Every structure is written in structure tokens, then in C-alpha cells.
């Protein structure tokens, strides 16, 4: 099992470079950056995590910028969007961003994606909430074409472009893994349809039941857990639970860190470093 950590990087949090170095030194495999371009003040859309939307959702920096800083400060740490809101990004420009960050990180990029929950935020980008899932699928399909073909074209309902050329291509072949976020069963179905991994949020559904059903869905789709491994966001600081998840087949657990300075974060990472050692020991 691998371990990652996610943080909403802000102007008051630990910097991505400092966090990246701290994670690499303590045996973490990856660092993850969420994104929100903005939060409309109407707040019509309920946050799935509870009643009150945390401040860092309003304040977070662009994930491609912060992850580039983390990559430059490390040598082996993987860097992931957790998650990129593809429904709010142009697919041609995002394909270039992904390929570029995979190049500058020497193939360490993990493309975590999601369809999003904030309808007003999407509407400001011209995205229709009801059709966002199909939009994301088409954008991912179009980006895969751009990454893998010297002359790419795509013709869908929402994404449409004639033959064109775009470089760089990613270092990772055929492209960085597309790790699909989202709850069971919708997120699981999307991961099996066009993803290279599934990453639900721990605690929002019994992981044992979801994994059993996911394995059956994968078999029916002609895919295996090796092709679509399962990670979880929101790992609990509990060795027994970590081992249970590992034994169930979870291949990566991602710790959610607060947007705080290193005086607060480093003691948490030290405790996790001990848990990582114990998990890998048996």
C-alpha cells in the first residue's frame, strides 16, 4: 500500500515545496492538490462534506502551479490533482497542462479528476450541471487522443475539434493515469469506463461493501483491480483501519491535511511516518 497527502494550498498554508520535501522524507508516495476556481457567494449548492464550507475552499491556489512547485523540490514524490474539475477547464489547454507537468516532473503526475458538486461554480464557467458527467467523459476522451496521437481530432456532443497537432506529449505512456474521484456507484462506473483508477472519499460509504461491488463491476466490464486500482481520500490515523483497507485491496490511502503551517503539519506527518513503517512491516 502507498500513502499520499492532500492539502488545499493557500497563501497561509505550508508551501507545496516544503510539504513535498517533508512527505518524501517520511516515506509518502504522493502529494495531492484539490481545486476550486472560486466559490459563488449564493451558496445554493450544499457541500457534500457537511453544513459549513471550510475557508480553504475559497482560498486554494491553482493545483497545476502548486504541484509544479512540489515537483521541483522533490525527486521521487508523485504529484496529483485531487481532484481537477475537468468540467470547468478547456480540454485542449488542459491536455497541454497535463503533458507539461508530466514532462517537468519526469513522469510523476497523477491526473485525479472529478465531475464536481458546485452547480453555481460550474455555471460561471458555462457548464450545465445536469450534463457535466458526459462533458467530463468527452473531455477526457479528447485529451487522451491529444496525448497519444501526432494528429488528433475528436467529435462528440460537447467537445468537437478537427485534426490538429499539439505538443508536448506526456512522459508517461500512453498518458498519466486518469484516477476518477466520486462516490459509489456513479464514480466507480466512470472509473471503469474511462479511468485508470478510482478514488472515493473514505467514510461516505462502507469501503468493504463498495470494494466487493466494484470488483464485480470490474469483472463484468472486463477489467481488473490491477488496471483500475482503488485509492481513498481522507485516511484515518488508525493502524487497524489502515491494515483492513490494505487487506481489502485498497492500494493507496491519502491523508487530508489542514491548510496550516509546518508547526502544525510536521507532527501529523511524523505520526503518519510511524504508521507507514508499521503498515509496510506487516
C-alpha atoms as a PDB file:
ATOM      1  CA  UNK A   1       0.000   0.000   0.000  1.00  0.00           C
ATOM      2  CA  UNK A   2       1.138   3.540  -0.815  1.00  0.00           C
ATOM      3  CA  UNK A   3       0.357   6.697   1.129  1.00  0.00           C
ATOM      4  CA  UNK A   4      -0.362  10.198  -0.083  1.00  0.00           C
ATOM      5  CA  UNK A   5      -1.325  13.505   1.487  1.00  0.00           C
ATOM      6  CA  UNK A   6      -3.602  16.247   0.177  1.00  0.00           C
ATOM      7  CA  UNK A   7      -3.765  19.901   1.103  1.00  0.00           C
ATOM      8  CA  UNK A   8      -5.623  22.959  -0.118  1.00  0.00           C
ATOM      9  CA  UNK A   9      -2.549  25.095  -0.744  1.00  0.00           C
ATOM     10  CA  UNK A  10      -3.246  28.712   0.186  1.00  0.00           C
ATOM     11  CA  UNK A  11      -1.256  31.833   0.989  1.00  0.00           C
ATOM     12  CA  UNK A  12      -1.443  30.859   4.668  1.00  0.00           C
ATOM     13  CA  UNK A  13      -0.682  27.123   4.398  1.00  0.00           C
ATOM     14  CA  UNK A  14       2.598  25.242   4.313  1.00  0.00           C
ATOM     15  CA  UNK A  15       4.131  25.763   0.877  1.00  0.00           C
ATOM     16  CA  UNK A  16       3.909  22.937  -1.675  1.00  0.00           C
ATOM     17  CA  UNK A  17       7.702  22.753  -1.910  1.00  0.00           C
ATOM     18  CA  UNK A  18       8.117  22.415   1.864  1.00  0.00           C
ATOM     19  CA  UNK A  19       5.304  19.901   2.156  1.00  0.00           C
ATOM     20  CA  UNK A  20       6.624  17.900  -0.784  1.00  0.00           C
ATOM     21  CA  UNK A  21      10.072  17.597   0.795  1.00  0.00           C
ATOM     22  CA  UNK A  22       8.569  16.661   4.169  1.00  0.00           C
ATOM     23  CA  UNK A  23       6.401  13.965   2.616  1.00  0.00           C
ATOM     24  CA  UNK A  24       9.246  12.496   0.571  1.00  0.00           C
ATOM     25  CA  UNK A  25      11.499  12.367   3.637  1.00  0.00           C
ATOM     26  CA  UNK A  26       8.833  10.448   5.588  1.00  0.00           C
ATOM     27  CA  UNK A  27       8.049   7.747   3.050  1.00  0.00           C
ATOM     28  CA  UNK A  28       4.940   9.158   1.428  1.00  0.00           C
ATOM     29  CA  UNK A  29       4.381   8.247  -2.207  1.00  0.00           C
ATOM     30  CA  UNK A  30       2.393  11.270  -3.388  1.00  0.00           C
ATOM     31  CA  UNK A  31       1.065  14.775  -2.731  1.00  0.00           C
ATOM     32  CA  UNK A  32      -2.379  15.884  -3.951  1.00  0.00           C
ATOM     33  CA  UNK A  33      -3.859  19.322  -4.580  1.00  0.00           C
ATOM     34  CA  UNK A  34      -7.620  19.960  -4.874  1.00  0.00           C
ATOM     35  CA  UNK A  35      -9.074  22.822  -6.859  1.00  0.00           C
ATOM     36  CA  UNK A  36     -11.875  25.326  -6.928  1.00  0.00           C
ATOM     37  CA  UNK A  37     -11.576  28.294  -9.257  1.00  0.00           C
ATOM     38  CA  UNK A  38     -13.894  30.279  -6.960  1.00  0.00           C
ATOM     39  CA  UNK A  39     -16.929  29.828  -4.718  1.00  0.00           C
ATOM     40  CA  UNK A  40     -20.069  31.805  -5.643  1.00  0.00           C
ATOM     41  CA  UNK A  41     -21.485  33.597  -2.627  1.00  0.00           C
ATOM     42  CA  UNK A  42     -25.034  32.402  -3.307  1.00  0.00           C
ATOM     43  CA  UNK A  43     -24.065  29.014  -1.770  1.00  0.00           C
ATOM     44  CA  UNK A  44     -27.117  27.287  -3.251  1.00  0.00           C
ATOM     45  CA  UNK A  45     -25.251  24.008  -3.733  1.00  0.00           C
ATOM     46  CA  UNK A  46     -24.815  22.052  -0.488  1.00  0.00           C
ATOM     47  CA  UNK A  47     -21.285  20.872   0.275  1.00  0.00           C
ATOM     48  CA  UNK A  48     -21.273  17.031   0.436  1.00  0.00           C
ATOM     49  CA  UNK A  49     -18.932  17.140   3.422  1.00  0.00           C
ATOM     50  CA  UNK A  50     -21.292  18.939   5.811  1.00  0.00           C
ATOM     51  CA  UNK A  51     -23.169  22.133   6.520  1.00  0.00           C
ATOM     52  CA  UNK A  52     -20.377  24.703   6.560  1.00  0.00           C
ATOM     53  CA  UNK A  53     -17.936  25.015   3.653  1.00  0.00           C
ATOM     54  CA  UNK A  54     -14.369  25.329   5.031  1.00  0.00           C
ATOM     55  CA  UNK A  55     -12.498  28.558   4.325  1.00  0.00           C
ATOM     56  CA  UNK A  56      -9.737  26.878   2.287  1.00  0.00           C
ATOM     57  CA  UNK A  57     -12.254  26.060  -0.459  1.00  0.00           C
ATOM     58  CA  UNK A  58     -12.486  29.783  -1.180  1.00  0.00           C
ATOM     59  CA  UNK A  59      -8.754  30.346  -0.932  1.00  0.00           C
ATOM     60  CA  UNK A  60      -6.974  27.491  -2.716  1.00  0.00           C
ATOM     61  CA  UNK A  61      -4.329  28.108  -5.350  1.00  0.00           C
ATOM     62  CA  UNK A  62      -4.273  26.557  -8.817  1.00  0.00           C
ATOM     63  CA  UNK A  63      -3.230  22.892  -8.484  1.00  0.00           C
ATOM     64  CA  UNK A  64      -1.002  22.802 -11.570  1.00  0.00           C
ATOM     65  CA  UNK A  65       1.056  25.704 -10.213  1.00  0.00           C
ATOM     66  CA  UNK A  66       1.404  24.302  -6.701  1.00  0.00           C
ATOM     67  CA  UNK A  67       2.161  20.776  -7.899  1.00  0.00           C
ATOM     68  CA  UNK A  68       4.872  22.084 -10.221  1.00  0.00           C
ATOM     69  CA  UNK A  69       6.496  23.724  -7.191  1.00  0.00           C
ATOM     70  CA  UNK A  70       6.262  20.433  -5.270  1.00  0.00           C
ATOM     71  CA  UNK A  71       7.763  18.517  -8.190  1.00  0.00           C
ATOM     72  CA  UNK A  72      10.701  20.925  -8.464  1.00  0.00           C
ATOM     73  CA  UNK A  73      11.503  20.440  -4.767  1.00  0.00           C
ATOM     74  CA  UNK A  74      11.428  16.621  -4.827  1.00  0.00           C
ATOM     75  CA  UNK A  75      12.857  13.727  -6.828  1.00  0.00           C
ATOM     76  CA  UNK A  76      10.593  10.705  -6.353  1.00  0.00           C
ATOM     77  CA  UNK A  77       7.325  12.054  -4.914  1.00  0.00           C
ATOM     78  CA  UNK A  78       4.355  11.700  -7.247  1.00  0.00           C
ATOM     79  CA  UNK A  79       2.146  14.750  -7.706  1.00  0.00           C
ATOM     80  CA  UNK A  80      -1.601  14.517  -8.223  1.00  0.00           C
ATOM     81  CA  UNK A  81      -4.646  16.680  -8.743  1.00  0.00           C
ATOM     82  CA  UNK A  82      -7.154  15.649  -6.138  1.00  0.00           C
ATOM     83  CA  UNK A  83      -9.326  16.436  -7.965  1.00  0.00           C
ATOM     84  CA  UNK A  84      -9.125  18.521 -11.130  1.00  0.00           C
ATOM     85  CA  UNK A  85     -12.530  19.899 -12.111  1.00  0.00           C
ATOM     86  CA  UNK A  86     -12.374  18.967 -15.777  1.00  0.00           C
ATOM     87  CA  UNK A  87     -15.891  20.284 -16.367  1.00  0.00           C
ATOM     88  CA  UNK A  88     -14.535  23.805 -15.756  1.00  0.00           C
ATOM     89  CA  UNK A  89     -11.419  23.545 -17.947  1.00  0.00           C
ATOM     90  CA  UNK A  90     -10.861  23.718 -21.689  1.00  0.00           C
ATOM     91  CA  UNK A  91      -9.747  20.230 -22.801  1.00  0.00           C
ATOM     92  CA  UNK A  92      -7.106  21.336 -25.321  1.00  0.00           C
ATOM     93  CA  UNK A  93      -5.418  23.667 -22.858  1.00  0.00           C
ATOM     94  CA  UNK A  94      -5.751  21.124 -20.024  1.00  0.00           C
ATOM     95  CA  UNK A  95      -4.184  18.421 -22.195  1.00  0.00           C
ATOM     96  CA  UNK A  96      -1.179  20.699 -22.622  1.00  0.00           C
ATOM     97  CA  UNK A  97      -1.059  21.427 -18.876  1.00  0.00           C
ATOM     98  CA  UNK A  98      -1.094  17.710 -18.023  1.00  0.00           C
ATOM     99  CA  UNK A  99       1.556  16.843 -20.593  1.00  0.00           C
ATOM    100  CA  UNK A 100       3.730  19.768 -19.489  1.00  0.00           C
ATOM    101  CA  UNK A 101       3.602  18.939 -15.779  1.00  0.00           C
ATOM    102  CA  UNK A 102       4.290  15.292 -16.559  1.00  0.00           C
ATOM    103  CA  UNK A 103       7.329  16.426 -18.543  1.00  0.00           C
ATOM    104  CA  UNK A 104       8.759  18.763 -15.889  1.00  0.00           C
ATOM    105  CA  UNK A 105       8.177  16.163 -13.154  1.00  0.00           C
ATOM    106  CA  UNK A 106       9.808  13.402 -15.242  1.00  0.00           C
ATOM    107  CA  UNK A 107       6.642  11.316 -15.386  1.00  0.00           C
ATOM    108  CA  UNK A 108       5.429  11.702 -11.805  1.00  0.00           C
ATOM    109  CA  UNK A 109       1.974  13.162 -12.482  1.00  0.00           C
ATOM    110  CA  UNK A 110      -1.310  11.532 -11.376  1.00  0.00           C
ATOM    111  CA  UNK A 111      -4.375  13.030 -13.053  1.00  0.00           C
ATOM    112  CA  UNK A 112      -7.098  12.851 -10.429  1.00  0.00           C
ATOM    113  CA  UNK A 113     -10.389  14.138 -11.805  1.00  0.00           C
ATOM    114  CA  UNK A 114     -13.976  14.650 -10.688  1.00  0.00           C
ATOM    115  CA  UNK A 115     -17.277  15.925 -12.037  1.00  0.00           C
ATOM    116  CA  UNK A 116     -17.819  18.410  -9.206  1.00  0.00           C
ATOM    117  CA  UNK A 117     -20.706  19.319  -6.900  1.00  0.00           C
ATOM    118  CA  UNK A 118     -20.999  23.132  -7.018  1.00  0.00           C
ATOM    119  CA  UNK A 119     -23.580  23.942  -9.690  1.00  0.00           C
ATOM    120  CA  UNK A 120     -23.150  27.718  -9.434  1.00  0.00           C
ATOM    121  CA  UNK A 121     -19.375  27.469  -9.828  1.00  0.00           C
ATOM    122  CA  UNK A 122     -19.826  25.380 -12.981  1.00  0.00           C
ATOM    123  CA  UNK A 123     -22.460  27.721 -14.385  1.00  0.00           C
ATOM    124  CA  UNK A 124     -19.979  30.600 -14.158  1.00  0.00           C
ATOM    125  CA  UNK A 125     -17.757  28.559 -16.488  1.00  0.00           C
ATOM    126  CA  UNK A 126     -20.622  27.893 -18.908  1.00  0.00           C
ATOM    127  CA  UNK A 127     -21.104  24.287 -17.742  1.00  0.00           C
ATOM    128  CA  UNK A 128     -24.585  22.801 -17.392  1.00  0.00           C
ATOM    129  CA  UNK A 129     -24.805  20.861 -14.135  1.00  0.00           C
ATOM    130  CA  UNK A 130     -27.143  18.155 -15.443  1.00  0.00           C
ATOM    131  CA  UNK A 131     -24.820  17.101 -18.284  1.00  0.00           C
ATOM    132  CA  UNK A 132     -21.477  17.593 -16.529  1.00  0.00           C
ATOM    133  CA  UNK A 133     -20.668  13.865 -16.316  1.00  0.00           C
ATOM    134  CA  UNK A 134     -20.900  13.345 -20.077  1.00  0.00           C
ATOM    135  CA  UNK A 135     -18.957  16.562 -20.632  1.00  0.00           C
ATOM    136  CA  UNK A 136     -16.137  15.280 -18.412  1.00  0.00           C
ATOM    137  CA  UNK A 137     -16.071  11.927 -20.194  1.00  0.00           C
ATOM    138  CA  UNK A 138     -15.816  13.572 -23.600  1.00  0.00           C
ATOM    139  CA  UNK A 139     -13.097  15.939 -22.414  1.00  0.00           C
ATOM    140  CA  UNK A 140     -11.061  13.043 -21.015  1.00  0.00           C
ATOM    141  CA  UNK A 141     -11.512  11.056 -24.226  1.00  0.00           C
ATOM    142  CA  UNK A 142     -10.442  14.099 -26.249  1.00  0.00           C
ATOM    143  CA  UNK A 143      -7.363  14.653 -24.067  1.00  0.00           C
ATOM    144  CA  UNK A 144      -6.323  11.021 -24.451  1.00  0.00           C
ATOM    145  CA  UNK A 145      -6.456  11.494 -28.203  1.00  0.00           C
ATOM    146  CA  UNK A 146      -4.269  14.610 -27.966  1.00  0.00           C
ATOM    147  CA  UNK A 147      -1.747  12.840 -25.712  1.00  0.00           C
ATOM    148  CA  UNK A 148      -1.419   9.721 -27.817  1.00  0.00           C
ATOM    149  CA  UNK A 149      -1.721  10.853 -31.455  1.00  0.00           C
ATOM    150  CA  UNK A 150       0.514  13.096 -33.517  1.00  0.00           C
ATOM    151  CA  UNK A 151      -2.579  14.319 -35.355  1.00  0.00           C
ATOM    152  CA  UNK A 152      -5.633  14.356 -33.100  1.00  0.00           C
ATOM    153  CA  UNK A 153      -9.302  15.015 -33.684  1.00  0.00           C
ATOM    154  CA  UNK A 154     -12.428  14.478 -31.629  1.00  0.00           C
ATOM    155  CA  UNK A 155     -16.100  14.816 -32.450  1.00  0.00           C
ATOM    156  CA  UNK A 156     -18.610  14.491 -29.620  1.00  0.00           C
ATOM    157  CA  UNK A 157     -21.737  16.201 -28.392  1.00  0.00           C
ATOM    158  CA  UNK A 158     -19.876  18.717 -26.208  1.00  0.00           C
ATOM    159  CA  UNK A 159     -16.274  18.504 -27.434  1.00  0.00           C
ATOM    160  CA  UNK A 160     -15.567  18.940 -31.096  1.00  0.00           C
ATOM    161  CA  UNK A 161     -12.350  19.743 -32.949  1.00  0.00           C
ATOM    162  CA  UNK A 162     -10.887  18.837 -36.322  1.00  0.00           C
ATOM    163  CA  UNK A 163      -7.442  17.347 -36.853  1.00  0.00           C
ATOM    164  CA  UNK A 164      -4.726  19.293 -35.063  1.00  0.00           C
ATOM    165  CA  UNK A 165      -1.235  18.914 -33.631  1.00  0.00           C
ATOM    166  CA  UNK A 166      -0.273  19.605 -30.020  1.00  0.00           C
ATOM    167  CA  UNK A 167       2.921  19.010 -28.047  1.00  0.00           C
ATOM    168  CA  UNK A 168       4.490  18.151 -25.678  1.00  0.00           C
ATOM    169  CA  UNK A 169       3.315  14.599 -25.233  1.00  0.00           C
ATOM    170  CA  UNK A 170       3.426  13.154 -21.712  1.00  0.00           C
ATOM    171  CA  UNK A 171       6.490  11.254 -20.483  1.00  0.00           C
ATOM    172  CA  UNK A 172       4.164   8.600 -19.042  1.00  0.00           C
ATOM    173  CA  UNK A 173       2.919   6.266 -21.749  1.00  0.00           C
ATOM    174  CA  UNK A 174       0.305   6.196 -23.042  1.00  0.00           C
ATOM    175  CA  UNK A 175      -0.554   9.042 -20.663  1.00  0.00           C
ATOM    176  CA  UNK A 176      -0.630   9.817 -16.921  1.00  0.00           C
ATOM    177  CA  UNK A 177      -3.164   7.662 -15.064  1.00  0.00           C
ATOM    178  CA  UNK A 178      -6.652   9.138 -15.007  1.00  0.00           C
ATOM    179  CA  UNK A 179      -7.855   8.485 -11.453  1.00  0.00           C
ATOM    180  CA  UNK A 180     -11.567   9.122 -11.168  1.00  0.00           C
ATOM    181  CA  UNK A 181     -12.997  10.536  -7.951  1.00  0.00           C
ATOM    182  CA  UNK A 182     -16.576  10.067  -6.859  1.00  0.00           C
ATOM    183  CA  UNK A 183     -18.843   8.013  -4.667  1.00  0.00           C
ATOM    184  CA  UNK A 184     -20.140   4.521  -5.326  1.00  0.00           C
ATOM    185  CA  UNK A 185     -21.717   3.589  -7.662  1.00  0.00           C
ATOM    186  CA  UNK A 186     -21.529   6.510 -10.116  1.00  0.00           C
ATOM    187  CA  UNK A 187     -17.858   7.296  -9.538  1.00  0.00           C
ATOM    188  CA  UNK A 188     -16.998   3.607  -9.774  1.00  0.00           C
ATOM    189  CA  UNK A 189     -18.808   3.280 -13.096  1.00  0.00           C
ATOM    190  CA  UNK A 190     -16.956   6.269 -14.523  1.00  0.00           C
ATOM    191  CA  UNK A 191     -13.622   4.890 -13.352  1.00  0.00           C
ATOM    192  CA  UNK A 192     -14.277   1.582 -15.089  1.00  0.00           C
ATOM    193  CA  UNK A 193     -15.491   3.279 -18.272  1.00  0.00           C
ATOM    194  CA  UNK A 194     -12.567   5.647 -18.896  1.00  0.00           C
ATOM    195  CA  UNK A 195     -10.252   5.685 -15.871  1.00  0.00           C
ATOM    196  CA  UNK A 196      -7.047   4.083 -14.660  1.00  0.00           C
ATOM    197  CA  UNK A 197      -8.096   4.145 -11.003  1.00  0.00           C
ATOM    198  CA  UNK A 198     -10.932   5.002  -8.644  1.00  0.00           C
ATOM    199  CA  UNK A 199     -10.594   7.259  -5.581  1.00  0.00           C
ATOM    200  CA  UNK A 200     -13.689   7.623  -3.378  1.00  0.00           C
ATOM    201  CA  UNK A 201     -13.759   9.577  -0.116  1.00  0.00           C
ATOM    202  CA  UNK A 202     -13.374   7.334   2.925  1.00  0.00           C
ATOM    203  CA  UNK A 203     -16.245   7.392   5.381  1.00  0.00           C
ATOM    204  CA  UNK A 204     -19.007   8.314   2.934  1.00  0.00           C
ATOM    205  CA  UNK A 205     -19.794   4.648   2.236  1.00  0.00           C
ATOM    206  CA  UNK A 206     -18.677   1.330   3.762  1.00  0.00           C
ATOM    207  CA  UNK A 207     -15.469   0.635   1.848  1.00  0.00           C
ATOM    208  CA  UNK A 208     -15.710  -3.153   2.224  1.00  0.00           C
ATOM    209  CA  UNK A 209     -19.143  -3.281   0.591  1.00  0.00           C
ATOM    210  CA  UNK A 210     -18.146  -0.807  -2.111  1.00  0.00           C
ATOM    211  CA  UNK A 211     -14.977  -2.748  -2.954  1.00  0.00           C
ATOM    212  CA  UNK A 212     -16.829  -6.043  -3.227  1.00  0.00           C
ATOM    213  CA  UNK A 213     -19.344  -4.486  -5.603  1.00  0.00           C
ATOM    214  CA  UNK A 214     -16.572  -2.684  -7.512  1.00  0.00           C
ATOM    215  CA  UNK A 215     -14.717  -5.944  -8.119  1.00  0.00           C
ATOM    216  CA  UNK A 216     -17.891  -7.473  -9.540  1.00  0.00           C
ATOM    217  CA  UNK A 217     -18.486  -4.416 -11.731  1.00  0.00           C
ATOM    218  CA  UNK A 218     -14.889  -4.566 -12.945  1.00  0.00           C
ATOM    219  CA  UNK A 219     -15.218  -8.227 -13.884  1.00  0.00           C
ATOM    220  CA  UNK A 220     -18.401  -7.505 -15.809  1.00  0.00           C
ATOM    221  CA  UNK A 221     -16.612  -4.688 -17.626  1.00  0.00           C
ATOM    222  CA  UNK A 222     -13.683  -6.943 -18.487  1.00  0.00           C
ATOM    223  CA  UNK A 223     -11.264  -5.048 -16.240  1.00  0.00           C
ATOM    224  CA  UNK A 224      -9.234  -5.985 -13.164  1.00  0.00           C
ATOM    225  CA  UNK A 225      -8.243  -4.131  -9.993  1.00  0.00           C
ATOM    226  CA  UNK A 226      -4.685  -4.119 -11.331  1.00  0.00           C
ATOM    227  CA  UNK A 227      -5.936  -1.993 -14.231  1.00  0.00           C
ATOM    228  CA  UNK A 228      -8.216   0.176 -12.084  1.00  0.00           C
ATOM    229  CA  UNK A 229      -6.703   0.217  -8.578  1.00  0.00           C
ATOM    230  CA  UNK A 230      -8.632   1.740  -5.687  1.00  0.00           C
ATOM    231  CA  UNK A 231      -7.313   4.608  -3.572  1.00  0.00           C
ATOM    232  CA  UNK A 232      -9.154   6.517  -0.838  1.00  0.00           C
ATOM    233  CA  UNK A 233      -9.175  10.163   0.215  1.00  0.00           C
ATOM    234  CA  UNK A 234      -9.495  11.059   3.891  1.00  0.00           C
ATOM    235  CA  UNK A 235      -7.445   8.305   5.549  1.00  0.00           C
ATOM    236  CA  UNK A 236      -7.941   7.934   9.296  1.00  0.00           C
ATOM    237  CA  UNK A 237      -4.965   7.885  11.644  1.00  0.00           C
ATOM    238  CA  UNK A 238      -5.745   4.329  12.733  1.00  0.00           C
ATOM    239  CA  UNK A 239      -3.365   1.414  12.130  1.00  0.00           C
ATOM    240  CA  UNK A 240      -6.061  -1.253  12.344  1.00  0.00           C
ATOM    241  CA  UNK A 241      -8.229   0.554   9.809  1.00  0.00           C
ATOM    242  CA  UNK A 242      -5.252   1.100   7.513  1.00  0.00           C
ATOM    243  CA  UNK A 243      -4.429  -2.601   7.598  1.00  0.00           C
ATOM    244  CA  UNK A 244      -8.076  -3.522   6.977  1.00  0.00           C
ATOM    245  CA  UNK A 245      -8.156  -1.288   3.917  1.00  0.00           C
ATOM    246  CA  UNK A 246      -4.882  -2.752   2.676  1.00  0.00           C
ATOM    247  CA  UNK A 247      -6.188  -6.290   3.114  1.00  0.00           C
ATOM    248  CA  UNK A 248      -9.404  -5.370   1.288  1.00  0.00           C
ATOM    249  CA  UNK A 249      -7.370  -4.322  -1.724  1.00  0.00           C
ATOM    250  CA  UNK A 250      -7.014  -0.553  -1.340  1.00  0.00           C
ATOM    251  CA  UNK A 251      -3.676   0.330  -2.927  1.00  0.00           C
ATOM    252  CA  UNK A 252      -3.292   3.926  -1.751  1.00  0.00           C
ATOM    253  CA  UNK A 253      -4.624   5.949   1.179  1.00  0.00           C
ATOM    254  CA  UNK A 254      -4.492   9.729   1.023  1.00  0.00           C
ATOM    255  CA  UNK A 255      -4.380  11.757   4.230  1.00  0.00           C
ATOM    256  CA  UNK A 256      -6.278  15.067   4.247  1.00  0.00           C
ATOM    257  CA  UNK A 257      -4.175  17.786   5.872  1.00  0.00           C
ATOM    258  CA  UNK A 258      -5.440  21.178   7.072  1.00  0.00           C
ATOM    259  CA  UNK A 259      -4.211  24.339   5.359  1.00  0.00           C
ATOM    260  CA  UNK A 260      -1.756  25.137   8.139  1.00  0.00           C
ATOM    261  CA  UNK A 261       1.934  25.961   8.577  1.00  0.00           C
ATOM    262  CA  UNK A 262       4.622  23.371   9.244  1.00  0.00           C
ATOM    263  CA  UNK A 263       4.462  23.712  13.048  1.00  0.00           C
ATOM    264  CA  UNK A 264       1.012  22.113  12.841  1.00  0.00           C
ATOM    265  CA  UNK A 265       1.649  19.782   9.899  1.00  0.00           C
ATOM    266  CA  UNK A 266       5.015  18.198  10.690  1.00  0.00           C
ATOM    267  CA  UNK A 267       3.896  16.457  13.911  1.00  0.00           C
ATOM    268  CA  UNK A 268       0.986  14.941  11.972  1.00  0.00           C
ATOM    269  CA  UNK A 269       3.365  13.725   9.270  1.00  0.00           C
ATOM    270  CA  UNK A 270       5.690  12.247  11.885  1.00  0.00           C
ATOM    271  CA  UNK A 271       2.843  10.188  13.314  1.00  0.00           C
ATOM    272  CA  UNK A 272       1.926   9.050   9.810  1.00  0.00           C
ATOM    273  CA  UNK A 273       5.532   8.111   9.066  1.00  0.00           C
ATOM    274  CA  UNK A 274       5.334   5.713  12.002  1.00  0.00           C
ATOM    275  CA  UNK A 275       2.056   4.278  10.692  1.00  0.00           C
ATOM    276  CA  UNK A 276       3.580   3.856   7.248  1.00  0.00           C
ATOM    277  CA  UNK A 277       6.532   1.922   8.663  1.00  0.00           C
ATOM    278  CA  UNK A 278       4.259  -0.339  10.704  1.00  0.00           C
ATOM    279  CA  UNK A 279       1.930  -0.961   7.755  1.00  0.00           C
ATOM    280  CA  UNK A 280       4.781  -1.910   5.446  1.00  0.00           C
ATOM    281  CA  UNK A 281       6.290  -4.124   8.161  1.00  0.00           C
ATOM    282  CA  UNK A 282       3.200  -6.326   8.347  1.00  0.00           C
END
